[in-house]
Amino acid sequence: MRLKITLFLAGTLSLGACMTYYQRNAAFQMAFQQGDLPRAEKELLSDKKGEKRKTRLLYYLDRGVVHSLMGNYELSNTFFEKAWLLTEDYQKNIGEEALALFSNPNATEYQAEDHEALLINFYKALNYLKLNDLEKALVEVRRMNIRLNRLEDKYKGKAKYRDEPFIENMMGLVYDASGETNNAFIAYRNAYEGYKKTSKVGVPMQLKKDLLRTASSMGFVQEQQRLEQEMNMKAEKRANSGSRQLVMLWMNGLSPVKSEWSLNFTVQKGQSGSLTFVNDQFGYSFPAVMNNYNPDQRAKLTDLEVVRVAFPKYVERVPFFSSATVDVNGKSYSLEQAMNVNAVAFQCLEQRMVLEVGKAITRLALKQALQYAVKEGTTAAAKGDSKNPQNQQKAENIGDLAGFAIGVMNAVTEKADTRAWMTLPHSISYTRVPLERGEQTLMLKAFPQNGGNPSQIELRFTGKDGVTLFHSYHHLQSSNSYPMYR
């Protein structure tokens, strides 16, 4: 009877435990994906503990994105600033880290992935640019540069992070608009080299044009000639100081959903108090030392022989649209992909997968040790000093039940960290459009993957001499959707 009750409780608890972070926030995610931003904001506000949870960083990021898309740029930046401060001031909580080892990584405060941390400053800069506040946008650009340098130091001698040079490119665009041509040239050159070496996308043609133009403007003749020969193109004539420009950024689709997957490990007994968790499918082998237990006790720790460990994974949401253009005055300007957020997210997770596996194995070993300790401790307490065989058997049963209950708890709490900033776009594209003086209408055309009729959005801007305007548009549609519930 006790066994049936325990199994029922385990099943009940697992219904909630198996849901991902995305699924637990299904109402918000659905409203956002449908473009119902007021309802999405209402869903966020309904979480009265949003700013106190261990996911408060994501709460601030989602509110920042929603308000940015609603045109509330100043309010959006108040939330992005809170998020940025959390990533700057984060300090590990030893108690939370210890709890995570006995439960799962969700017990700790969520830290941004590398690309997420950088894109906080990108969104802030973009908001300021839409408010025509170049000075504050430059502050965010410099913050991005500091973070890029930190990441380079972090991965020195390991896998490099600077494999998505979009951030450098964005820095160049802002410096360029601010009249800091030398800084713009340096940023463009860094972006160009990054795209050539490690990017998941090719070098945007607009970047080549901007790099050659700024090299020419600075009088870097030898550098200009070298780049012209390498690119097989000539620098365009320098734009005059009164030129009117629009930098248009197109956010396409939605970033991947972080879900989970699991591996089965065989527990192999070794010498000198060690256990080894082995997965032949992927060739993983991780030792776990158990010196605190005698041989008989260690043997009991391997009763299960095969155990399951959960890990995070990304699931791509394929964009509904494949490409876009900006049409004005009879000319069409293609929006070129500058950052594949989806690919960068997958790469960031892949780079730390071995670390994730190591943490999961440590967590599993501690859980098994806890299960045995509770079982043995409960049995010993129930036995007391009794010599009666019936009492001895009852004590063994109580110990078995206690150990089983802990085993159920371990299984239910074994969960990957599926938290992520999932209101980011799948990709970011851009182009530079020359404007005439005064008000004019531009047409943003987005072309579906299936070749159907394009989506057309009218955009109005007022061209002013010597001013570079920035604007963005986010098409949220995806061709596939991640299930809200399992």
Protein backbone atom coordinates (compact mmCIF):
# COMPACT_ATOMS: atom_id res chain seq x y z
CA MET A 1 0.00 0.00 0.00
CA ARG A 2 2.81 2.39 0.94
CA LEU A 3 4.53 1.54 -2.33
CA LYS A 4 1.39 2.42 -4.33
CA ILE A 5 1.02 5.72 -2.48
CA THR A 6 4.65 6.59 -3.12
CA LEU A 7 4.33 5.78 -6.83
CA PHE A 8 1.15 7.89 -7.06
CA LEU A 9 2.88 10.86 -5.43
CA ALA A 10 5.86 10.44 -7.73
CA GLY A 11 3.61 10.49 -10.78
CA THR A 12 1.74 13.55 -9.52
CA LEU A 13 4.94 15.48 -8.79
CA SER A 14 6.49 14.55 -12.12
CA LEU A 15 3.61 16.11 -14.07
CA GLY A 16 4.85 19.56 -13.08
CA ALA A 17 8.51 18.66 -12.87
CA CYS A 18 8.73 17.48 -16.51
CA MET A 19 7.56 20.81 -17.92
CA THR A 20 10.21 23.08 -19.41
CA TYR A 21 10.60 26.76 -18.53
CA TYR A 22 8.99 27.63 -21.87
CA GLN A 23 5.96 25.45 -21.12
CA ARG A 24 5.55 26.80 -17.60
CA ASN A 25 5.23 30.25 -19.18
CA ALA A 26 2.94 29.06 -21.97
CA ALA A 27 0.42 31.91 -21.72
CA PHE A 28 3.09 34.59 -22.15
CA GLN A 29 4.90 32.68 -24.90
CA MET A 30 1.69 32.18 -26.88
CA ALA A 31 0.68 35.85 -26.61
CA PHE A 32 4.17 36.98 -27.67
CA GLN A 33 4.37 34.61 -30.64
CA GLN A 34 0.97 35.82 -31.84
CA GLY A 35 2.15 39.43 -31.64
CA ASP A 36 -0.41 40.30 -28.94
CA LEU A 37 2.03 42.48 -27.01
CA PRO A 38 -0.48 44.05 -24.55
CA ARG A 39 -1.59 40.54 -23.53
CA ALA A 40 2.04 39.39 -23.32
CA GLU A 41 2.79 42.31 -20.97
CA LYS A 42 -0.32 41.49 -18.93
CA GLU A 43 0.86 37.89 -18.53
CA LEU A 44 4.26 39.09 -17.30
CA LEU A 45 2.63 41.50 -14.84
CA SER A 46 0.42 38.70 -13.49
CA ASP A 47 3.54 37.08 -12.04
CA LYS A 48 3.70 39.04 -8.79
CA LYS A 49 6.96 37.31 -7.84
CA GLY A 50 8.63 37.82 -11.22
CA GLU A 51 11.27 40.16 -9.78
CA LYS A 52 12.04 37.83 -6.87
CA ARG A 53 12.34 34.48 -8.61
CA LYS A 54 15.59 32.89 -9.68
CA THR A 55 14.48 33.73 -13.22
CA ARG A 56 14.21 37.48 -12.59
CA LEU A 57 16.86 38.13 -15.25
CA LEU A 58 14.59 36.57 -17.88
CA TYR A 59 11.61 38.46 -16.47
CA TYR A 60 13.44 41.76 -17.04
CA LEU A 61 14.64 40.71 -20.50
CA ASP A 62 11.18 39.68 -21.68
CA ARG A 63 9.65 42.91 -20.40
CA GLY A 64 12.42 44.85 -22.12
CA VAL A 65 11.71 43.17 -25.46
CA VAL A 66 7.93 43.56 -25.19
CA HIS A 67 8.16 47.28 -24.43
CA SER A 68 10.74 47.82 -27.16
CA LEU A 69 8.39 46.25 -29.72
CA MET A 70 5.55 48.40 -28.36
CA GLY A 71 7.64 51.54 -28.92
CA ASN A 72 8.13 52.27 -25.22
CA TYR A 73 11.88 52.64 -25.64
CA GLU A 74 12.70 54.43 -22.38
CA LEU A 75 10.64 51.99 -20.28
CA SER A 76 12.19 49.11 -22.20
CA ASN A 77 15.66 50.33 -21.26
CA THR A 78 14.79 50.51 -17.56
CA PHE A 79 14.21 46.74 -17.67
CA PHE A 80 17.27 46.07 -19.81
CA GLU A 81 19.38 48.10 -17.38
CA LYS A 82 18.12 45.98 -14.47
CA ALA A 83 19.01 42.88 -16.44
CA TRP A 84 22.45 44.26 -17.30
CA LEU A 85 23.17 45.03 -13.64
CA LEU A 86 22.25 41.47 -12.70
CA THR A 87 24.76 40.10 -15.19
CA GLU A 88 27.42 42.50 -13.94
CA ASP A 89 26.83 41.98 -10.22
CA TYR A 90 26.17 38.25 -10.24
CA GLN A 91 27.90 36.33 -7.47
CA LYS A 92 27.45 32.64 -6.90
CA ASN A 93 25.36 31.70 -3.90
CA ILE A 94 27.14 28.78 -2.24
CA GLY A 95 23.92 27.51 -0.67
CA GLU A 96 22.12 27.52 -4.02
CA GLU A 97 25.03 25.78 -5.73
CA ALA A 98 24.99 23.05 -3.06
CA LEU A 99 21.22 22.64 -3.37
CA ALA A 100 21.56 22.31 -7.15
CA LEU A 101 23.88 19.33 -6.64
CA PHE A 102 21.14 17.52 -4.72
CA SER A 103 18.26 18.59 -6.98
CA ASN A 104 18.93 20.28 -10.35
CA PRO A 105 20.47 23.48 -11.83
CA ASN A 106 17.15 25.31 -11.61
CA ALA A 107 17.82 25.84 -7.90
CA THR A 108 20.38 28.52 -8.80
CA GLU A 109 19.89 32.08 -10.04
CA TYR A 110 19.75 32.10 -13.84
CA GLN A 111 22.86 33.48 -15.54
CA ALA A 112 22.74 34.71 -19.12
CA GLU A 113 24.37 32.72 -21.89
CA ASP A 114 27.31 34.57 -23.45
CA HIS A 115 25.37 35.77 -26.48
CA GLU A 116 22.39 36.77 -24.32
CA ALA A 117 24.56 39.01 -22.15
CA LEU A 118 25.92 40.83 -25.22
CA LEU A 119 22.50 41.30 -26.80
CA ILE A 120 21.25 43.15 -23.71
CA ASN A 121 23.50 46.05 -24.69
CA PHE A 122 22.51 45.69 -28.35
CA TYR A 123 18.83 46.16 -27.47
CA LYS A 124 19.63 49.10 -25.20
CA ALA A 125 21.72 50.77 -27.90
CA LEU A 126 18.98 50.19 -30.48
CA ASN A 127 16.38 51.75 -28.17
CA TYR A 128 18.56 54.83 -27.69
CA LEU A 129 19.18 55.07 -31.43
CA LYS A 130 15.42 55.10 -32.06
CA LEU A 131 15.23 57.92 -29.50
CA ASN A 132 17.99 59.72 -31.48
CA ASP A 133 20.23 59.67 -28.41
CA LEU A 134 23.61 58.80 -29.94
CA GLU A 135 25.52 59.64 -26.78
CA LYS A 136 23.76 57.01 -24.68
CA ALA A 137 23.89 54.54 -27.56
CA LEU A 138 27.68 54.96 -27.56
CA VAL A 139 27.75 54.10 -23.85
CA GLU A 140 26.08 50.77 -24.66
CA VAL A 141 28.47 50.21 -27.55
CA ARG A 142 31.44 50.66 -25.21
CA ARG A 143 29.84 48.28 -22.71
CA MET A 144 29.57 45.72 -25.51
CA ASN A 145 33.25 46.18 -26.28
CA ILE A 146 34.21 45.59 -22.64
CA ARG A 147 32.15 42.40 -22.59
CA LEU A 148 33.70 41.17 -25.83
CA ASN A 149 37.16 41.64 -24.32
CA ARG A 150 36.11 39.73 -21.19
CA LEU A 151 34.84 36.85 -23.30
CA GLU A 152 38.09 36.75 -25.25
CA ASP A 153 39.99 36.49 -21.95
CA LYS A 154 37.55 33.85 -20.72
CA TYR A 155 38.06 31.61 -23.75
CA LYS A 156 41.75 32.28 -24.31
CA GLY A 157 43.38 28.98 -25.23
CA LYS A 158 39.94 27.35 -25.46
CA ALA A 159 37.03 27.65 -27.85
CA LYS A 160 36.79 31.28 -28.92
CA TYR A 161 33.61 33.22 -28.42
CA ARG A 162 34.20 35.96 -30.98
CA ASP A 163 32.68 33.84 -33.72
CA GLU A 164 29.70 36.16 -34.20
CA PRO A 165 31.09 39.55 -35.24
CA PHE A 166 27.66 41.19 -35.48
CA ILE A 167 28.36 43.01 -32.21
CA GLU A 168 31.53 44.55 -33.69
CA ASN A 169 29.56 45.48 -36.80
CA MET A 170 26.88 47.16 -34.70
CA MET A 171 29.57 49.08 -32.84
CA GLY A 172 30.90 50.32 -36.18
CA LEU A 173 27.45 51.48 -37.29
CA VAL A 174 26.96 53.52 -34.12
CA TYR A 175 30.46 55.02 -34.20
CA ASP A 176 29.89 55.86 -37.88
CA ALA A 177 26.60 57.62 -37.18
CA SER A 178 28.28 59.56 -34.35
CA GLY A 179 31.05 60.85 -36.59
CA GLU A 180 33.76 58.76 -34.91
CA THR A 181 35.10 57.51 -38.23
CA ASN A 182 38.38 56.08 -36.92
CA ASN A 183 36.60 54.00 -34.26
CA ALA A 184 34.05 52.96 -36.88
CA PHE A 185 36.85 51.77 -39.19
CA ILE A 186 38.44 49.70 -36.39
CA ALA A 187 35.12 48.10 -35.47
CA TYR A 188 34.26 47.39 -39.11
CA ARG A 189 37.68 45.83 -39.68
CA ASN A 190 37.33 43.61 -36.60
CA ALA A 191 33.86 42.56 -37.78
CA TYR A 192 35.15 41.85 -41.29
CA GLU A 193 37.96 39.62 -39.99
CA GLY A 194 35.52 37.87 -37.66
CA TYR A 195 33.03 37.14 -40.42
CA LYS A 196 35.80 35.76 -42.63
CA LYS A 197 37.22 33.41 -40.00
CA THR A 198 34.49 32.02 -37.84
CA SER A 199 31.03 33.38 -38.59
CA LYS A 200 28.06 31.17 -39.44
CA VAL A 201 27.12 33.74 -42.11
CA GLY A 202 29.11 35.33 -44.92
CA VAL A 203 30.58 38.84 -44.88
CA PRO A 204 27.68 41.25 -45.51
CA MET A 205 28.20 43.37 -48.63
CA GLN A 206 27.17 46.45 -46.65
CA LEU A 207 29.99 45.83 -44.19
CA LYS A 208 32.50 45.66 -47.06
CA LYS A 209 31.22 48.98 -48.39
CA ASP A 210 31.35 50.62 -44.97
CA LEU A 211 34.85 49.32 -44.27
CA LEU A 212 36.23 50.61 -47.59
CA ARG A 213 34.44 53.94 -47.20
CA THR A 214 35.81 54.59 -43.69
CA ALA A 215 39.32 53.51 -44.76
CA SER A 216 39.10 56.05 -47.59
CA SER A 217 37.71 58.77 -45.30
CA MET A 218 40.60 58.28 -42.86
CA GLY A 219 43.18 58.38 -45.64
CA PHE A 220 44.41 54.84 -44.95
CA VAL A 221 45.57 54.41 -48.54
CA GLN A 222 47.59 51.20 -48.17
CA GLU A 223 44.89 49.53 -46.08
CA GLN A 224 42.22 50.62 -48.56
CA GLN A 225 44.18 49.21 -51.49
CA ARG A 226 44.81 45.92 -49.69
CA LEU A 227 41.12 45.54 -48.86
CA GLU A 228 40.01 46.51 -52.37
CA GLN A 229 42.26 43.83 -53.84
CA GLU A 230 41.09 41.24 -51.31
CA MET A 231 37.39 42.05 -51.81
CA ASN A 232 37.73 42.61 -55.58
CA MET A 233 35.76 45.85 -55.34
CA LYS A 234 36.42 49.58 -55.15
CA ALA A 235 35.56 51.98 -52.36
CA GLU A 236 32.50 54.09 -53.03
CA LYS A 237 32.96 57.82 -53.02
CA ARG A 238 32.88 59.38 -49.59
CA ALA A 239 29.47 60.41 -48.38
CA ASN A 240 29.22 64.15 -47.84
CA SER A 241 28.57 65.51 -44.37
CA GLY A 242 24.97 66.30 -45.26
CA SER A 243 24.01 62.82 -46.44
CA ARG A 244 20.83 61.24 -45.11
CA GLN A 245 20.85 57.56 -44.18
CA LEU A 246 18.64 54.86 -42.68
CA VAL A 247 20.13 51.76 -41.09
CA MET A 248 17.32 49.21 -41.17
CA LEU A 249 17.55 46.09 -38.99
CA TRP A 250 15.23 43.14 -39.58
CA MET A 251 14.62 40.61 -36.82
CA ASN A 252 13.34 37.38 -38.35
CA GLY A 253 11.54 34.64 -36.45
CA LEU A 254 12.29 33.53 -32.90
CA SER A 255 15.36 32.07 -31.18
CA PRO A 256 15.40 28.38 -30.25
CA VAL A 257 13.52 26.95 -27.31
CA LYS A 258 15.69 25.40 -24.63
CA SER A 259 14.38 21.93 -23.84
CA GLU A 260 15.97 18.83 -22.36
CA TRP A 261 17.15 15.38 -23.30
CA SER A 262 18.52 12.52 -21.26
CA LEU A 263 21.22 9.87 -21.38
CA ASN A 264 21.31 6.48 -19.72
CA PHE A 265 24.55 5.69 -17.92
CA THR A 266 25.74 2.30 -16.77
CA VAL A 267 27.29 2.35 -13.30
CA GLN A 268 30.54 0.35 -13.22
CA LYS A 269 32.28 -0.55 -9.95
CA GLY A 270 35.98 0.20 -9.83
CA GLN A 271 38.89 -0.11 -7.45
CA SER A 272 39.71 2.11 -4.45
CA GLY A 273 36.18 3.26 -3.82
CA SER A 274 35.25 4.58 -7.24
CA LEU A 275 32.25 4.31 -9.50
CA THR A 276 32.33 5.08 -13.20
CA PHE A 277 29.32 6.29 -15.13
CA VAL A 278 29.60 5.11 -18.74
CA ASN A 279 27.59 5.88 -21.87
CA ASP A 280 28.75 3.85 -24.85
CA GLN A 281 26.59 5.71 -27.37
CA PHE A 282 28.55 8.97 -27.06
CA GLY A 283 31.73 7.55 -25.54
CA TYR A 284 31.31 9.35 -22.21
CA SER A 285 33.06 8.01 -19.14
CA PHE A 286 33.01 9.88 -15.82
CA PRO A 287 34.49 8.61 -12.53
CA ALA A 288 32.88 9.36 -9.15
CA VAL A 289 34.99 8.63 -6.05
CA MET A 290 33.12 7.14 -3.07
CA ASN A 291 35.85 6.81 -0.46
CA ASN A 292 33.47 7.39 2.46
CA TYR A 293 31.82 4.00 2.02
CA ASN A 294 33.10 0.47 2.60
CA PRO A 295 33.03 -2.11 -0.25
CA ASP A 296 29.66 -3.55 0.81
CA GLN A 297 28.10 -0.12 0.94
CA ARG A 298 29.54 0.86 -2.42
CA ALA A 299 28.10 -2.29 -3.93
CA LYS A 300 24.64 -1.25 -2.77
CA LEU A 301 25.06 2.13 -4.44
CA THR A 302 25.12 0.37 -7.82
CA ASP A 303 21.93 -1.59 -7.32
CA LEU A 304 20.20 0.38 -10.10
CA GLU A 305 23.05 -0.31 -12.56
CA VAL A 306 21.50 1.97 -15.20
CA VAL A 307 20.61 5.57 -14.31
CA ARG A 308 19.22 8.55 -16.26
CA VAL A 309 20.76 12.02 -16.40
CA ALA A 310 19.06 15.09 -17.94
CA PHE A 311 20.81 17.73 -20.05
CA PRO A 312 19.71 20.96 -21.79
CA LYS A 313 19.27 21.17 -25.54
CA TYR A 314 17.95 23.70 -28.03
CA VAL A 315 15.05 23.13 -30.43
CA GLU A 316 15.05 25.38 -33.49
CA ARG A 317 11.99 27.40 -34.49
CA VAL A 318 12.34 27.78 -38.26
CA PRO A 319 11.35 31.30 -39.43
CA PHE A 320 8.30 31.66 -41.67
CA PHE A 321 10.11 34.22 -43.82
CA SER A 322 13.36 33.54 -45.68
CA SER A 323 14.43 37.03 -46.81
CA ALA A 324 13.40 40.68 -46.92
CA THR A 325 14.00 43.90 -48.82
CA VAL A 326 13.44 47.61 -48.29
CA ASP A 327 11.99 49.33 -51.38
CA VAL A 328 12.12 53.11 -51.85
CA ASN A 329 12.13 55.45 -54.85
CA GLY A 330 12.06 52.57 -57.31
CA LYS A 331 15.10 50.85 -55.77
CA SER A 332 15.27 47.68 -53.70
CA TYR A 333 17.79 47.10 -50.90
CA SER A 334 18.31 43.54 -49.67
CA LEU A 335 18.53 42.93 -45.95
CA GLU A 336 21.62 40.78 -45.38
CA GLN A 337 21.89 38.40 -42.46
CA ALA A 338 24.43 39.72 -39.97
CA MET A 339 23.83 37.41 -37.00
CA ASN A 340 22.32 33.95 -36.84
CA VAL A 341 21.17 34.00 -33.20
CA ASN A 342 19.88 30.44 -33.52
CA ALA A 343 23.29 29.09 -34.61
CA VAL A 344 25.15 31.06 -31.91
CA ALA A 345 22.83 29.69 -29.20
CA PHE A 346 23.51 26.12 -30.33
CA GLN A 347 27.25 26.80 -30.41
CA CYS A 348 27.34 28.37 -26.94
CA LEU A 349 25.64 25.31 -25.46
CA GLU A 350 27.82 22.90 -27.42
CA GLN A 351 30.99 24.56 -26.14
CA ARG A 352 30.08 23.85 -22.53
CA MET A 353 28.41 20.45 -23.02
CA VAL A 354 31.27 18.49 -21.45
CA LEU A 355 31.01 20.75 -18.39
CA GLU A 356 27.23 20.16 -18.28
CA VAL A 357 27.75 16.39 -18.40
CA GLY A 358 30.36 16.55 -15.62
CA LYS A 359 28.02 18.55 -13.36
CA ALA A 360 25.16 16.15 -14.06
CA ILE A 361 27.28 13.12 -13.16
CA THR A 362 28.39 14.76 -9.90
CA ARG A 363 24.75 15.50 -9.14
CA LEU A 364 23.79 11.89 -9.86
CA ALA A 365 26.54 10.44 -7.66
CA LEU A 366 25.52 12.64 -4.71
CA LYS A 367 21.86 11.71 -5.17
CA GLN A 368 22.68 8.00 -5.10
CA ALA A 369 24.83 8.48 -2.03
CA LEU A 370 22.00 10.36 -0.32
CA GLN A 371 19.56 7.61 -1.21
CA TYR A 372 21.79 4.96 0.37
CA ALA A 373 22.52 7.07 3.47
CA VAL A 374 18.81 7.63 4.15
CA LYS A 375 18.04 3.98 3.61
CA GLU A 376 20.78 2.76 5.95
CA GLY A 377 20.15 5.47 8.55
CA THR A 378 16.41 4.78 8.66
CA THR A 379 16.98 1.03 8.92
CA ALA A 380 19.46 1.44 11.78
CA ALA A 381 17.12 3.76 13.67
CA ALA A 382 14.18 1.37 13.26
CA LYS A 383 16.19 -1.61 14.43
CA GLY A 384 17.38 0.02 17.60
CA ASP A 385 18.56 -2.65 20.04
CA SER A 386 15.82 -5.12 19.10
CA LYS A 387 16.90 -8.73 18.50
CA ASN A 388 13.43 -9.85 17.41
CA PRO A 389 13.60 -11.20 13.81
CA GLN A 390 10.18 -9.73 13.00
CA ASN A 391 11.27 -6.31 14.17
CA GLN A 392 14.47 -6.68 12.20
CA GLN A 393 12.47 -7.41 9.04
CA LYS A 394 10.13 -4.47 9.66
CA ALA A 395 13.17 -2.23 10.07
CA GLU A 396 14.56 -3.46 6.75
CA ASN A 397 11.21 -2.75 5.07
CA ILE A 398 11.10 0.74 6.55
CA GLY A 399 14.63 1.39 5.35
CA ASP A 400 13.80 0.08 1.87
CA LEU A 401 10.73 2.32 1.69
CA ALA A 402 12.72 5.36 2.86
CA GLY A 403 15.42 4.65 0.28
CA PHE A 404 12.77 4.17 -2.40
CA ALA A 405 11.11 7.47 -1.48
CA ILE A 406 14.44 9.29 -1.83
CA GLY A 407 14.99 7.50 -5.13
CA VAL A 408 11.62 8.76 -6.34
CA MET A 409 12.52 12.28 -5.22
CA ASN A 410 15.84 12.00 -7.04
CA ALA A 411 14.10 10.90 -10.24
CA VAL A 412 11.51 13.67 -10.04
CA THR A 413 14.09 16.39 -9.36
CA GLU A 414 16.47 15.20 -12.09
CA LYS A 415 15.91 17.97 -14.60
CA ALA A 416 17.99 20.03 -17.00
CA ASP A 417 18.13 23.81 -16.88
CA THR A 418 15.74 24.80 -19.67
CA ARG A 419 15.72 28.52 -18.87
CA ALA A 420 16.71 30.87 -21.71
CA TRP A 421 15.95 34.25 -23.28
CA MET A 422 13.45 33.01 -25.87
CA THR A 423 12.03 36.33 -27.11
CA LEU A 424 15.19 36.94 -29.14
CA PRO A 425 14.96 36.67 -32.95
CA HIS A 426 16.16 33.68 -34.96
CA SER A 427 18.40 36.00 -36.96
CA ILE A 428 19.22 39.69 -37.43
CA SER A 429 19.70 41.24 -40.88
CA TYR A 430 20.40 44.81 -41.93
CA THR A 431 20.97 47.23 -44.78
CA ARG A 432 21.81 50.90 -45.29
CA VAL A 433 19.28 52.95 -47.25
CA PRO A 434 19.94 56.48 -48.60
CA LEU A 435 17.12 58.92 -47.87
CA GLU A 436 15.93 62.03 -49.61
CA ARG A 437 15.35 65.25 -47.72
CA GLY A 438 11.94 65.34 -46.05
CA GLU A 439 9.25 62.75 -45.38
CA GLN A 440 9.08 59.60 -47.48
CA THR A 441 7.54 56.13 -47.43
CA LEU A 442 9.53 52.92 -47.55
CA MET A 443 8.16 49.42 -48.06
CA LEU A 444 9.51 46.49 -46.03
CA LYS A 445 8.83 43.26 -47.92
CA ALA A 446 9.32 39.87 -46.24
CA PHE A 447 9.26 36.78 -48.46
CA PRO A 448 7.90 33.45 -47.09
CA GLN A 449 9.94 30.27 -47.16
CA ASN A 450 7.24 28.59 -49.27
CA GLY A 451 7.39 31.23 -51.98
CA GLY A 452 3.97 32.77 -51.32
CA ASN A 453 3.04 36.44 -51.49
CA PRO A 454 5.34 38.71 -49.48
CA SER A 455 4.29 40.53 -46.34
CA GLN A 456 4.40 44.30 -46.93
CA ILE A 457 4.84 46.89 -44.18
CA GLU A 458 4.83 50.65 -44.86
CA LEU A 459 7.40 52.66 -42.92
CA ARG A 460 7.65 56.47 -42.90
CA PHE A 461 10.80 58.46 -42.19
CA THR A 462 11.94 62.06 -42.46
CA GLY A 463 15.38 62.47 -44.01
CA LYS A 464 17.52 65.13 -42.33
CA ASP A 465 20.89 66.37 -43.53
CA GLY A 466 23.81 64.71 -41.77
CA VAL A 467 21.58 62.36 -39.78
CA THR A 468 21.66 58.55 -39.78
CA LEU A 469 18.37 57.07 -38.59
CA PHE A 470 18.05 53.59 -37.11
CA HIS A 471 14.96 51.42 -37.16
CA SER A 472 14.10 47.75 -36.64
CA TYR A 473 11.17 45.49 -37.37
CA HIS A 474 10.58 42.03 -35.90
CA HIS A 475 8.56 39.41 -37.79
CA LEU A 476 7.67 36.90 -35.06
CA GLN A 477 6.22 34.15 -37.23
CA SER A 478 7.77 30.68 -37.26
CA SER A 479 7.10 27.72 -39.58
CA ASN A 480 7.06 25.29 -36.70
CA SER A 481 6.11 25.65 -33.06
CA TYR A 482 7.43 24.05 -29.91
CA PRO A 483 4.66 22.17 -28.00
CA MET A 484 3.29 24.20 -25.12
CA TYR A 485 2.58 21.05 -23.12
CA ARG A 486 3.84 17.50 -23.16
